[in-house]
Every structure is written in structure tokens, then in C-alpha cells.
């Protein structure tokens, strides 16, 4: 599953961002209002240059007793940023976030411009939904396999019955039915497995 699919699952659809000169008081108000943990900081070209998180505000504002109206994003933002792009694999990105203790992942394009900003909650929600989709697909395959098996058993008994009465044409038709059922079952299983791998 690619990160780009997170767009439809994101809790907060809008991308909230600020510039270098935005006062921390304004950023803190938005963080509180939107119940988010961090916001990206961009320049005039929409390029990602930093992140201001709740942790930054606490450790660099409250502890140091700075004035939130006089301190800007540039002064306290985290500048060393790990980012991703929309084609990155979901599970690998979650692994990076966990290993680096990152709770927010900015997504940029090839020019370094911000396109999306996701939280770890967005990633975990997507992972849960992906697992549910795969589970449903496997259940459907099992149901199909059972149905195909029942049909094959019925066709087999019918073949034996008509063979007993020397109905060669009907036996040929049943043989074709065997072949179609078998081929369809194999193709269904292969298609479902391939789709599961995409997630």
C-alpha cells in the first residue's frame, strides 16, 4: 500500500502549514483548536523547511519562559526532518517512524515542496483498513473454493451417472465444465493473492 492512499483516510483533510515568521502563539492556538500534534513550516515556494510540534513548544517555549507572541516558528522549529513521498510503501514508512520515534511524516514532491502532512494515527488507521480489506478478500476466496469444490463433486457424480447410461456427449460437456471451474478457481486465487501483495 502506498502512502498516497492515505489522503482518503486522513482525519483532518486540510493541510495546515505556517511560515518562518508566524508567531508561536498563533501556531499553538491552531494546534489546540485542531487537536493536532505538529505543523509543517514552509517557505514562500511551499518548500518544507521545518516542523513545530507540541514538544518543541513545551521544551523550547515553556521551559525557557519565552514570550509566545514574540517568538517565531523559525526560532524553535525542528530543522532536521525526515520526509517521504506519495509512492513510498506504507509499512516501511511506519517502520521508520517507529524506529526514529516520529509521530508526524511530511510528504514532499521531487522539488521538496510540501504535498501532505500525516500523523502516525493516519498511518495506523490505513494499516488497519488494509488488513481488513485483505481479510475480506481471503474470506471470499475460501467461499469460492468451497462452492467450486461442491460443483466439481456434483459434476463428477453426474459424469459417472451419464457414463453408466453411455451418454458420451453429456460426458464431454461435463468435462468442459470441470475445466472451466478449475481454471476459474486458479485465476481467482492468483488474482486475489496479487492484490493482497499490492497492499
N, C-alpha and C. Protein backbone atom coordinates (compact mmCIF):
# COMPACT_ATOMS: atom_id res chain seq x y z
N UNK A 1 0.84 -1.20 0.00
CA UNK A 1 0.00 0.00 0.00
C UNK A 1 0.88 1.25 0.00
N UNK A 2 0.56 2.18 -0.87
CA UNK A 2 1.34 3.40 -1.00
C UNK A 2 0.81 4.50 -0.07
N UNK A 3 1.69 5.40 0.31
CA UNK A 3 1.31 6.50 1.20
C UNK A 3 0.22 7.36 0.58
N UNK A 4 0.23 7.49 -0.75
CA UNK A 4 -0.76 8.33 -1.42
C UNK A 4 -2.20 7.97 -1.09
N UNK A 5 -2.45 6.70 -0.76
CA UNK A 5 -3.80 6.26 -0.43
C UNK A 5 -4.27 6.80 0.92
N UNK A 6 -3.36 7.37 1.70
CA UNK A 6 -3.74 7.94 2.99
C UNK A 6 -4.62 9.18 2.84
N UNK A 7 -4.56 9.81 1.69
CA UNK A 7 -5.31 11.05 1.50
C UNK A 7 -6.80 10.87 1.76
N UNK A 8 -7.33 9.73 1.35
CA UNK A 8 -8.76 9.49 1.56
C UNK A 8 -9.11 9.05 2.97
N UNK A 9 -8.10 8.71 3.78
CA UNK A 9 -8.35 8.21 5.13
C UNK A 9 -7.95 9.21 6.21
N UNK A 10 -7.41 10.33 5.81
CA UNK A 10 -6.88 11.30 6.76
C UNK A 10 -7.99 11.89 7.62
N UNK A 11 -7.73 12.01 8.92
CA UNK A 11 -8.72 12.58 9.84
C UNK A 11 -9.00 14.04 9.52
N UNK A 12 -7.94 14.81 9.34
CA UNK A 12 -8.08 16.23 9.00
C UNK A 12 -7.67 16.40 7.55
N UNK A 13 -8.64 16.69 6.68
CA UNK A 13 -8.39 16.71 5.24
C UNK A 13 -7.49 17.86 4.80
N UNK A 14 -7.62 19.01 5.47
CA UNK A 14 -6.85 20.17 5.04
C UNK A 14 -5.39 20.06 5.48
N UNK A 15 -4.50 20.63 4.67
CA UNK A 15 -3.09 20.69 5.04
C UNK A 15 -2.81 22.04 5.71
N UNK A 16 -2.51 22.00 6.98
CA UNK A 16 -2.24 23.22 7.74
C UNK A 16 -0.74 23.45 7.78
N UNK A 17 -0.31 24.63 7.40
CA UNK A 17 1.13 24.95 7.42
C UNK A 17 1.32 26.42 7.78
N UNK A 18 2.55 26.74 8.19
CA UNK A 18 2.88 28.11 8.58
C UNK A 18 4.23 28.49 7.98
N UNK A 19 4.55 29.79 8.03
CA UNK A 19 5.84 30.24 7.52
C UNK A 19 6.79 30.57 8.68
N UNK A 20 7.99 30.94 8.34
CA UNK A 20 9.04 31.17 9.34
C UNK A 20 8.70 32.25 10.35
N UNK A 21 7.98 33.26 9.93
CA UNK A 21 7.73 34.41 10.78
C UNK A 21 6.44 34.31 11.59
N UNK A 22 5.75 33.18 11.49
CA UNK A 22 4.50 33.03 12.24
C UNK A 22 4.79 32.95 13.74
N UNK A 23 4.10 33.78 14.55
CA UNK A 23 4.30 33.72 16.00
C UNK A 23 3.87 32.36 16.56
N UNK A 24 4.57 31.91 17.57
CA UNK A 24 4.24 30.62 18.18
C UNK A 24 2.86 30.65 18.82
N UNK A 25 2.43 31.80 19.29
CA UNK A 25 1.09 31.91 19.88
C UNK A 25 0.01 31.52 18.86
N UNK A 26 0.20 31.93 17.61
CA UNK A 26 -0.76 31.58 16.55
C UNK A 26 -0.71 30.09 16.25
N UNK A 27 0.48 29.54 16.18
CA UNK A 27 0.64 28.10 15.92
C UNK A 27 0.04 27.28 17.05
N UNK A 28 0.31 27.68 18.28
CA UNK A 28 -0.21 26.94 19.44
C UNK A 28 -1.73 26.95 19.47
N UNK A 29 -2.32 28.08 19.07
CA UNK A 29 -3.78 28.18 19.06
C UNK A 29 -4.39 27.21 18.06
N UNK A 30 -3.77 27.09 16.87
CA UNK A 30 -4.27 26.17 15.85
C UNK A 30 -4.07 24.72 16.28
N UNK A 31 -2.93 24.42 16.87
CA UNK A 31 -2.67 23.05 17.37
C UNK A 31 -3.73 22.64 18.38
N UNK A 32 -4.08 23.57 19.26
CA UNK A 32 -5.10 23.28 20.27
C UNK A 32 -6.48 23.13 19.63
N UNK A 33 -6.82 24.05 18.73
CA UNK A 33 -8.14 24.04 18.09
C UNK A 33 -8.36 22.79 17.26
N UNK A 34 -7.35 22.37 16.51
CA UNK A 34 -7.47 21.24 15.60
C UNK A 34 -7.11 19.90 16.26
N UNK A 35 -6.63 19.96 17.48
CA UNK A 35 -6.20 18.74 18.20
C UNK A 35 -5.17 17.97 17.40
N UNK A 36 -4.14 18.68 16.95
CA UNK A 36 -3.05 18.05 16.21
C UNK A 36 -1.76 18.20 17.01
N UNK A 37 -0.76 17.40 16.67
CA UNK A 37 0.46 17.40 17.46
C UNK A 37 1.61 18.19 16.87
N UNK A 38 1.50 18.56 15.58
CA UNK A 38 2.59 19.27 14.94
C UNK A 38 2.10 19.92 13.65
N UNK A 39 2.86 20.90 13.16
CA UNK A 39 2.54 21.56 11.90
C UNK A 39 3.82 21.76 11.10
N UNK A 40 3.74 21.68 9.78
CA UNK A 40 4.93 21.93 8.95
C UNK A 40 5.17 23.43 8.76
N UNK A 41 6.44 23.78 8.60
CA UNK A 41 6.82 25.16 8.31
C UNK A 41 7.38 25.20 6.89
N UNK A 42 6.86 26.10 6.07
CA UNK A 42 7.26 26.18 4.67
C UNK A 42 7.76 27.58 4.32
N UNK A 43 8.49 27.67 3.20
CA UNK A 43 8.93 28.98 2.74
C UNK A 43 7.96 29.51 1.69
N UNK A 44 8.32 30.59 1.03
CA UNK A 44 7.42 31.22 0.06
C UNK A 44 7.17 30.34 -1.17
N UNK A 45 8.05 29.37 -1.40
CA UNK A 45 7.91 28.45 -2.54
C UNK A 45 7.19 27.15 -2.16
N UNK A 46 6.64 27.13 -0.95
CA UNK A 46 5.96 25.94 -0.41
C UNK A 46 6.91 24.78 -0.14
N UNK A 47 8.19 25.08 -0.01
CA UNK A 47 9.16 24.04 0.32
C UNK A 47 9.22 23.82 1.82
N UNK A 48 9.29 22.56 2.21
CA UNK A 48 9.34 22.21 3.62
C UNK A 48 10.70 22.58 4.21
N UNK A 49 10.68 23.35 5.31
CA UNK A 49 11.94 23.75 5.93
C UNK A 49 11.99 23.45 7.43
N UNK A 50 10.87 22.99 8.01
CA UNK A 50 10.88 22.69 9.44
C UNK A 50 9.54 22.17 9.92
N UNK A 51 9.52 21.77 11.17
CA UNK A 51 8.29 21.32 11.83
C UNK A 51 8.25 21.90 13.24
N UNK A 52 7.11 22.39 13.63
CA UNK A 52 6.91 22.82 15.01
C UNK A 52 5.92 21.86 15.65
N UNK A 53 6.34 21.20 16.71
CA UNK A 53 5.50 20.22 17.40
C UNK A 53 5.15 20.71 18.80
N UNK A 54 4.22 20.02 19.41
CA UNK A 54 3.88 20.33 20.80
C UNK A 54 5.13 20.20 21.68
N UNK A 55 5.95 19.22 21.38
CA UNK A 55 7.17 19.02 22.15
C UNK A 55 8.11 20.23 22.03
N UNK A 56 8.21 20.77 20.82
CA UNK A 56 9.03 21.97 20.62
C UNK A 56 8.51 23.13 21.46
N UNK A 57 7.20 23.28 21.46
CA UNK A 57 6.61 24.39 22.22
C UNK A 57 6.87 24.23 23.71
N UNK A 58 6.73 23.02 24.21
CA UNK A 58 6.95 22.79 25.63
C UNK A 58 8.41 22.94 26.02
N UNK A 59 9.29 22.29 25.27
CA UNK A 59 10.71 22.28 25.65
C UNK A 59 11.44 23.58 25.34
N UNK A 60 10.99 24.30 24.30
CA UNK A 60 11.72 25.50 23.88
C UNK A 60 11.00 26.80 24.22
N UNK A 61 9.74 26.68 24.61
CA UNK A 61 8.98 27.88 24.97
C UNK A 61 8.69 27.93 26.46
N UNK A 62 7.99 26.93 26.93
CA UNK A 62 7.55 26.92 28.33
C UNK A 62 8.74 26.81 29.27
N UNK A 63 9.62 25.84 29.00
CA UNK A 63 10.77 25.62 29.89
C UNK A 63 11.68 26.85 29.92
N UNK A 64 11.87 27.48 28.76
CA UNK A 64 12.75 28.64 28.67
C UNK A 64 12.02 29.96 28.93
N UNK A 65 10.73 29.87 29.24
CA UNK A 65 9.91 31.04 29.59
C UNK A 65 9.95 32.13 28.52
N UNK A 66 9.82 31.72 27.26
CA UNK A 66 9.79 32.69 26.17
C UNK A 66 8.38 33.25 25.98
N UNK A 67 8.30 34.40 25.37
CA UNK A 67 7.02 35.03 25.06
C UNK A 67 6.52 34.46 23.73
N UNK A 68 5.35 33.82 23.75
CA UNK A 68 4.82 33.16 22.57
C UNK A 68 4.45 34.14 21.46
N UNK A 69 4.15 35.39 21.83
CA UNK A 69 3.81 36.39 20.82
C UNK A 69 5.05 36.95 20.13
N UNK A 70 6.18 36.88 20.79
CA UNK A 70 7.41 37.46 20.25
C UNK A 70 8.35 36.42 19.64
N UNK A 71 8.05 35.15 19.85
CA UNK A 71 8.89 34.07 19.32
C UNK A 71 8.26 33.53 18.04
N UNK A 72 9.07 33.34 17.02
CA UNK A 72 8.55 32.86 15.73
C UNK A 72 8.88 31.38 15.52
N UNK A 73 8.24 30.81 14.51
CA UNK A 73 8.46 29.40 14.19
C UNK A 73 9.93 29.12 13.89
N UNK A 74 10.58 30.05 13.23
CA UNK A 74 11.98 29.87 12.85
C UNK A 74 12.88 29.63 14.05
N UNK A 75 12.52 30.19 15.19
CA UNK A 75 13.37 30.13 16.37
C UNK A 75 13.30 28.79 17.10
N UNK A 76 12.20 28.09 16.99
CA UNK A 76 12.07 26.84 17.77
C UNK A 76 11.81 25.60 16.92
N UNK A 77 11.61 25.76 15.62
CA UNK A 77 11.23 24.61 14.80
C UNK A 77 12.36 23.56 14.73
N UNK A 78 11.96 22.34 14.51
CA UNK A 78 12.91 21.26 14.26
C UNK A 78 13.31 21.32 12.80
N UNK A 79 14.61 21.42 12.54
CA UNK A 79 15.09 21.62 11.18
C UNK A 79 15.54 20.32 10.51
N UNK A 80 15.95 19.35 11.31
CA UNK A 80 16.36 18.06 10.75
C UNK A 80 15.12 17.20 10.57
N UNK A 81 14.68 17.09 9.33
CA UNK A 81 13.38 16.47 9.04
C UNK A 81 13.54 15.22 8.19
N UNK A 82 12.81 14.20 8.54
CA UNK A 82 12.69 13.01 7.70
C UNK A 82 11.36 13.14 6.95
N UNK A 83 11.40 13.06 5.64
CA UNK A 83 10.18 13.19 4.84
C UNK A 83 10.01 11.98 3.94
N UNK A 84 8.84 11.89 3.34
CA UNK A 84 8.53 10.78 2.44
C UNK A 84 7.91 11.33 1.17
N UNK A 85 7.62 10.44 0.23
CA UNK A 85 6.85 10.86 -0.95
C UNK A 85 5.67 9.91 -1.12
N UNK A 86 4.74 10.30 -1.96
CA UNK A 86 3.47 9.58 -2.07
C UNK A 86 3.61 8.15 -2.57
N UNK A 87 4.72 7.83 -3.23
CA UNK A 87 4.92 6.47 -3.75
C UNK A 87 5.62 5.54 -2.76
N UNK A 88 6.00 6.06 -1.61
CA UNK A 88 6.68 5.22 -0.61
C UNK A 88 5.73 4.18 -0.04
N UNK A 89 6.29 3.06 0.39
CA UNK A 89 5.50 1.98 0.96
C UNK A 89 5.03 2.33 2.37
N UNK A 90 3.78 2.04 2.65
CA UNK A 90 3.17 2.39 3.94
C UNK A 90 3.87 1.71 5.11
N UNK A 91 4.05 0.39 5.03
CA UNK A 91 4.62 -0.35 6.16
C UNK A 91 6.07 0.06 6.43
N UNK A 92 6.83 0.29 5.37
CA UNK A 92 8.22 0.71 5.55
C UNK A 92 8.29 2.08 6.22
N UNK A 93 7.40 2.97 5.83
CA UNK A 93 7.38 4.31 6.42
C UNK A 93 6.98 4.25 7.89
N UNK A 94 6.02 3.40 8.21
CA UNK A 94 5.63 3.23 9.62
C UNK A 94 6.82 2.71 10.42
N UNK A 95 7.57 1.79 9.83
CA UNK A 95 8.77 1.26 10.49
C UNK A 95 9.78 2.35 10.78
N UNK A 96 9.98 3.24 9.82
CA UNK A 96 10.91 4.36 10.02
C UNK A 96 10.42 5.27 11.13
N UNK A 97 9.13 5.56 11.13
CA UNK A 97 8.57 6.45 12.15
C UNK A 97 8.71 5.86 13.55
N UNK A 98 8.49 4.57 13.66
CA UNK A 98 8.62 3.92 14.97
C UNK A 98 10.07 3.88 15.43
N UNK A 99 10.98 3.56 14.52
CA UNK A 99 12.39 3.46 14.90
C UNK A 99 12.99 4.82 15.25
N UNK A 100 12.49 5.87 14.61
CA UNK A 100 13.00 7.22 14.85
C UNK A 100 12.16 7.99 15.87
N UNK A 101 11.12 7.33 16.39
CA UNK A 101 10.20 7.96 17.35
C UNK A 101 9.58 9.24 16.76
N UNK A 102 9.12 9.12 15.51
CA UNK A 102 8.50 10.24 14.81
C UNK A 102 6.98 10.02 14.79
N UNK A 103 6.24 11.05 15.14
CA UNK A 103 4.78 10.94 15.17
C UNK A 103 4.11 11.63 13.98
N UNK A 104 4.89 12.35 13.19
CA UNK A 104 4.34 13.04 12.02
C UNK A 104 5.29 12.90 10.84
N UNK A 105 4.70 12.68 9.68
CA UNK A 105 5.52 12.49 8.48
C UNK A 105 5.08 13.47 7.38
N UNK A 106 5.95 14.44 7.07
CA UNK A 106 5.65 15.32 5.93
C UNK A 106 5.93 14.59 4.62
N UNK A 107 5.14 14.88 3.61
CA UNK A 107 5.32 14.28 2.29
C UNK A 107 5.65 15.40 1.31
N UNK A 108 6.72 15.22 0.56
CA UNK A 108 7.16 16.23 -0.39
C UNK A 108 7.27 15.65 -1.79
N UNK A 109 7.27 16.54 -2.78
CA UNK A 109 7.47 16.09 -4.15
C UNK A 109 8.96 16.12 -4.49
N UNK A 110 9.29 15.92 -5.74
CA UNK A 110 10.69 15.84 -6.15
C UNK A 110 11.44 17.17 -5.98
N UNK A 111 10.69 18.26 -5.86
CA UNK A 111 11.30 19.58 -5.67
C UNK A 111 11.37 19.99 -4.21
N UNK A 112 10.96 19.09 -3.33
CA UNK A 112 10.99 19.40 -1.91
C UNK A 112 9.80 20.21 -1.43
N UNK A 113 8.78 20.34 -2.28
CA UNK A 113 7.59 21.10 -1.90
C UNK A 113 6.61 20.20 -1.13
N UNK A 114 6.03 20.77 -0.10
CA UNK A 114 5.11 20.01 0.75
C UNK A 114 3.82 19.68 0.01
N UNK A 115 3.44 18.41 0.02
CA UNK A 115 2.18 18.00 -0.61
C UNK A 115 1.18 17.50 0.43
N UNK A 116 1.68 16.86 1.49
CA UNK A 116 0.80 16.30 2.53
C UNK A 116 1.54 16.27 3.85
N UNK A 117 0.76 16.14 4.92
CA UNK A 117 1.34 16.05 6.26
C UNK A 117 0.49 15.08 7.06
N UNK A 118 1.06 13.89 7.36
CA UNK A 118 0.29 12.83 8.01
C UNK A 118 0.80 12.56 9.42
N UNK A 119 -0.11 12.13 10.27
CA UNK A 119 0.26 11.73 11.63
C UNK A 119 0.38 10.21 11.69
N UNK A 120 0.99 9.71 12.75
CA UNK A 120 1.11 8.26 12.92
C UNK A 120 -0.27 7.62 13.00
N UNK A 121 -1.25 8.37 13.51
CA UNK A 121 -2.62 7.85 13.58
C UNK A 121 -3.18 7.60 12.19
N UNK A 122 -2.89 8.50 11.24
CA UNK A 122 -3.33 8.31 9.86
C UNK A 122 -2.75 7.01 9.28
N UNK A 123 -1.45 6.78 9.55
CA UNK A 123 -0.78 5.58 9.05
C UNK A 123 -1.38 4.32 9.66
N UNK A 124 -1.62 4.33 10.96
CA UNK A 124 -2.14 3.15 11.64
C UNK A 124 -3.57 2.85 11.21
N UNK A 125 -4.38 3.90 11.00
CA UNK A 125 -5.74 3.70 10.51
C UNK A 125 -5.73 3.05 9.13
N UNK A 126 -4.80 3.50 8.28
CA UNK A 126 -4.69 2.93 6.94
C UNK A 126 -4.23 1.48 6.99
N UNK A 127 -3.31 1.18 7.90
CA UNK A 127 -2.81 -0.18 8.04
C UNK A 127 -3.93 -1.12 8.49
N UNK A 128 -4.75 -0.64 9.42
CA UNK A 128 -5.88 -1.44 9.91
C UNK A 128 -6.87 -1.70 8.77
N UNK A 129 -7.20 -0.65 8.02
CA UNK A 129 -8.14 -0.81 6.91
C UNK A 129 -7.59 -1.75 5.85
N UNK A 130 -6.28 -1.64 5.57
CA UNK A 130 -5.65 -2.52 4.59
C UNK A 130 -5.77 -3.98 5.01
N UNK A 131 -5.49 -4.25 6.29
CA UNK A 131 -5.59 -5.63 6.81
C UNK A 131 -7.02 -6.15 6.72
N UNK A 132 -7.99 -5.27 6.97
CA UNK A 132 -9.40 -5.68 6.89
C UNK A 132 -9.78 -6.02 5.46
N UNK A 133 -9.27 -5.23 4.50
CA UNK A 133 -9.57 -5.50 3.09
C UNK A 133 -8.98 -6.83 2.64
N UNK A 134 -7.75 -7.09 3.06
CA UNK A 134 -7.10 -8.35 2.70
C UNK A 134 -7.84 -9.52 3.31
N UNK A 135 -8.29 -9.36 4.56
CA UNK A 135 -9.03 -10.42 5.24
C UNK A 135 -10.34 -10.73 4.52
N UNK A 136 -11.04 -9.69 4.08
CA UNK A 136 -12.29 -9.90 3.34
C UNK A 136 -12.05 -10.63 2.03
N UNK A 137 -10.97 -10.27 1.35
CA UNK A 137 -10.65 -10.92 0.07
C UNK A 137 -10.36 -12.41 0.27
N UNK A 138 -9.62 -12.74 1.34
CA UNK A 138 -9.31 -14.15 1.61
C UNK A 138 -10.57 -14.93 1.97
N UNK A 139 -11.49 -14.30 2.70
CA UNK A 139 -12.75 -14.97 3.04
C UNK A 139 -13.55 -15.26 1.77
N UNK A 140 -13.55 -14.31 0.84
CA UNK A 140 -14.27 -14.52 -0.41
C UNK A 140 -13.66 -15.67 -1.22
N UNK A 141 -12.33 -15.77 -1.19
CA UNK A 141 -11.66 -16.86 -1.90
C UNK A 141 -12.05 -18.21 -1.31
N UNK A 142 -12.08 -18.28 0.02
CA UNK A 142 -12.46 -19.53 0.70
C UNK A 142 -13.88 -19.94 0.31
N UNK A 143 -14.80 -18.96 0.30
CA UNK A 143 -16.18 -19.26 -0.08
C UNK A 143 -16.24 -19.78 -1.52
N UNK A 144 -15.45 -19.13 -2.40
CA UNK A 144 -15.45 -19.55 -3.79
C UNK A 144 -14.88 -20.95 -3.93
N UNK A 145 -13.82 -21.26 -3.18
CA UNK A 145 -13.20 -22.58 -3.25
C UNK A 145 -14.19 -23.66 -2.81
N UNK A 146 -14.95 -23.37 -1.76
CA UNK A 146 -15.94 -24.34 -1.27
C UNK A 146 -17.01 -24.56 -2.33
N UNK A 147 -17.50 -23.46 -2.92
CA UNK A 147 -18.53 -23.57 -3.96
C UNK A 147 -18.01 -24.35 -5.16
N UNK A 148 -16.78 -24.04 -5.58
CA UNK A 148 -16.19 -24.74 -6.72
C UNK A 148 -16.04 -26.23 -6.43
N UNK A 149 -15.64 -26.57 -5.21
CA UNK A 149 -15.46 -27.97 -4.82
C UNK A 149 -16.80 -28.72 -4.87
N UNK A 150 -17.85 -28.07 -4.37
CA UNK A 150 -19.18 -28.70 -4.38
C UNK A 150 -19.64 -28.94 -5.81
N UNK A 151 -19.43 -27.94 -6.67
CA UNK A 151 -19.83 -28.09 -8.07
C UNK A 151 -19.06 -29.21 -8.76
N UNK A 152 -17.77 -29.32 -8.44
CA UNK A 152 -16.96 -30.38 -9.03
C UNK A 152 -17.44 -31.76 -8.58
N UNK A 153 -17.79 -31.87 -7.31
CA UNK A 153 -18.30 -33.16 -6.80
C UNK A 153 -19.60 -33.53 -7.51
N UNK A 154 -20.51 -32.54 -7.63
CA UNK A 154 -21.78 -32.79 -8.30
C UNK A 154 -21.56 -33.19 -9.76
N UNK A 155 -20.65 -32.46 -10.42
CA UNK A 155 -20.37 -32.76 -11.83
C UNK A 155 -19.75 -34.14 -11.98
N UNK A 156 -18.91 -34.52 -11.01
CA UNK A 156 -18.28 -35.85 -11.06
C UNK A 156 -19.32 -36.96 -10.96
N UNK A 157 -20.23 -36.82 -9.99
CA UNK A 157 -21.29 -37.83 -9.85
C UNK A 157 -22.18 -37.87 -11.09
N UNK A 158 -22.44 -36.67 -11.65
CA UNK A 158 -23.26 -36.63 -12.86
C UNK A 158 -22.54 -37.33 -14.01
N UNK A 159 -21.22 -37.14 -14.10
CA UNK A 159 -20.44 -37.80 -15.14
C UNK A 159 -20.49 -39.31 -15.02
N UNK A 160 -20.36 -39.80 -13.77
CA UNK A 160 -20.43 -41.25 -13.53
C UNK A 160 -21.81 -41.77 -13.91
N UNK A 161 -22.84 -40.99 -13.55
CA UNK A 161 -24.21 -41.41 -13.85
C UNK A 161 -24.45 -41.52 -15.35
N UNK A 162 -24.04 -40.48 -16.11
CA UNK A 162 -24.29 -40.49 -17.56
C UNK A 162 -23.37 -41.49 -18.26
N UNK A 163 -22.20 -41.74 -17.69
CA UNK A 163 -21.31 -42.74 -18.27
C UNK A 163 -21.94 -44.12 -18.17
N UNK A 164 -22.64 -44.34 -17.07
CA UNK A 164 -23.32 -45.63 -16.86
C UNK A 164 -24.36 -45.86 -17.96
N UNK A 165 -25.01 -44.74 -18.39
CA UNK A 165 -26.02 -44.87 -19.45
C UNK A 165 -25.46 -44.56 -20.83
N UNK A 166 -24.11 -44.54 -20.93
CA UNK A 166 -23.42 -44.38 -22.21
C UNK A 166 -23.82 -43.10 -22.94
N UNK A 167 -23.84 -41.97 -22.18
CA UNK A 167 -24.16 -40.66 -22.78
C UNK A 167 -22.83 -39.91 -23.01
N UNK A 168 -22.16 -40.22 -24.12
CA UNK A 168 -20.83 -39.68 -24.39
C UNK A 168 -20.83 -38.15 -24.53
N UNK A 169 -21.85 -37.60 -25.23
CA UNK A 169 -21.89 -36.16 -25.45
C UNK A 169 -22.01 -35.38 -24.14
N UNK A 170 -22.84 -35.89 -23.26
CA UNK A 170 -23.03 -35.22 -21.97
C UNK A 170 -21.74 -35.29 -21.15
N UNK A 171 -21.03 -36.40 -21.25
CA UNK A 171 -19.76 -36.54 -20.52
C UNK A 171 -18.75 -35.51 -21.02
N UNK A 172 -18.74 -35.28 -22.35
CA UNK A 172 -17.83 -34.27 -22.90
C UNK A 172 -18.19 -32.88 -22.38
N UNK A 173 -19.47 -32.59 -22.29
CA UNK A 173 -19.91 -31.28 -21.77
C UNK A 173 -19.48 -31.13 -20.32
N UNK A 174 -19.64 -32.19 -19.54
CA UNK A 174 -19.25 -32.13 -18.13
C UNK A 174 -17.73 -31.96 -17.99
N UNK A 175 -16.97 -32.55 -18.92
CA UNK A 175 -15.52 -32.39 -18.88
C UNK A 175 -15.13 -30.92 -19.10
N UNK A 176 -15.85 -30.28 -20.03
CA UNK A 176 -15.60 -28.85 -20.26
C UNK A 176 -15.96 -28.04 -19.01
N UNK A 177 -17.04 -28.43 -18.34
CA UNK A 177 -17.45 -27.74 -17.10
C UNK A 177 -16.36 -27.91 -16.04
N UNK A 178 -15.81 -29.13 -15.92
CA UNK A 178 -14.70 -29.37 -14.99
C UNK A 178 -13.56 -28.39 -15.26
N UNK A 179 -13.20 -28.28 -16.55
CA UNK A 179 -12.07 -27.45 -16.94
C UNK A 179 -12.32 -25.98 -16.60
N UNK A 180 -13.53 -25.50 -16.92
CA UNK A 180 -13.86 -24.08 -16.66
C UNK A 180 -13.83 -23.78 -15.17
N UNK A 181 -14.43 -24.66 -14.36
CA UNK A 181 -14.46 -24.44 -12.91
C UNK A 181 -13.05 -24.43 -12.35
N UNK A 182 -12.23 -25.39 -12.79
CA UNK A 182 -10.86 -25.47 -12.29
C UNK A 182 -10.04 -24.25 -12.66
N UNK A 183 -10.12 -23.82 -13.92
CA UNK A 183 -9.35 -22.66 -14.38
C UNK A 183 -9.81 -21.38 -13.68
N UNK A 184 -11.12 -21.23 -13.50
CA UNK A 184 -11.64 -20.04 -12.82
C UNK A 184 -11.17 -19.98 -11.38
N UNK A 185 -11.15 -21.13 -10.72
CA UNK A 185 -10.69 -21.17 -9.32
C UNK A 185 -9.24 -20.75 -9.22
N UNK A 186 -8.39 -21.28 -10.12
CA UNK A 186 -6.97 -20.94 -10.09
C UNK A 186 -6.76 -19.46 -10.36
N UNK A 187 -7.46 -18.90 -11.36
CA UNK A 187 -7.32 -17.49 -11.70
C UNK A 187 -7.79 -16.58 -10.56
N UNK A 188 -8.87 -16.97 -9.90
CA UNK A 188 -9.39 -16.17 -8.78
C UNK A 188 -8.40 -16.13 -7.64
N UNK A 189 -7.82 -17.28 -7.31
CA UNK A 189 -6.84 -17.34 -6.21
C UNK A 189 -5.61 -16.51 -6.54
N UNK A 190 -5.13 -16.62 -7.79
CA UNK A 190 -3.92 -15.88 -8.20
C UNK A 190 -4.18 -14.37 -8.17
N UNK A 191 -5.36 -13.95 -8.68
CA UNK A 191 -5.69 -12.52 -8.70
C UNK A 191 -5.78 -11.96 -7.30
N UNK A 192 -6.42 -12.69 -6.40
CA UNK A 192 -6.57 -12.23 -5.02
C UNK A 192 -5.22 -12.14 -4.34
N UNK A 193 -4.34 -13.11 -4.60
CA UNK A 193 -3.00 -13.09 -3.99
C UNK A 193 -2.21 -11.89 -4.47
N UNK A 194 -2.32 -11.57 -5.78
CA UNK A 194 -1.59 -10.44 -6.34
C UNK A 194 -2.08 -9.14 -5.75
N UNK A 195 -3.39 -9.01 -5.57
CA UNK A 195 -3.95 -7.79 -5.00
C UNK A 195 -3.53 -7.65 -3.53
N UNK A 196 -3.45 -8.77 -2.83
CA UNK A 196 -3.03 -8.73 -1.43
C UNK A 196 -1.59 -8.24 -1.34
N UNK A 197 -0.75 -8.65 -2.30
CA UNK A 197 0.65 -8.20 -2.30
C UNK A 197 0.76 -6.70 -2.51
N UNK A 198 -0.20 -6.11 -3.26
CA UNK A 198 -0.17 -4.67 -3.51
C UNK A 198 -0.39 -3.88 -2.24
N UNK A 199 -1.07 -4.45 -1.28
CA UNK A 199 -1.31 -3.77 -0.02
C UNK A 199 -0.16 -3.95 0.94
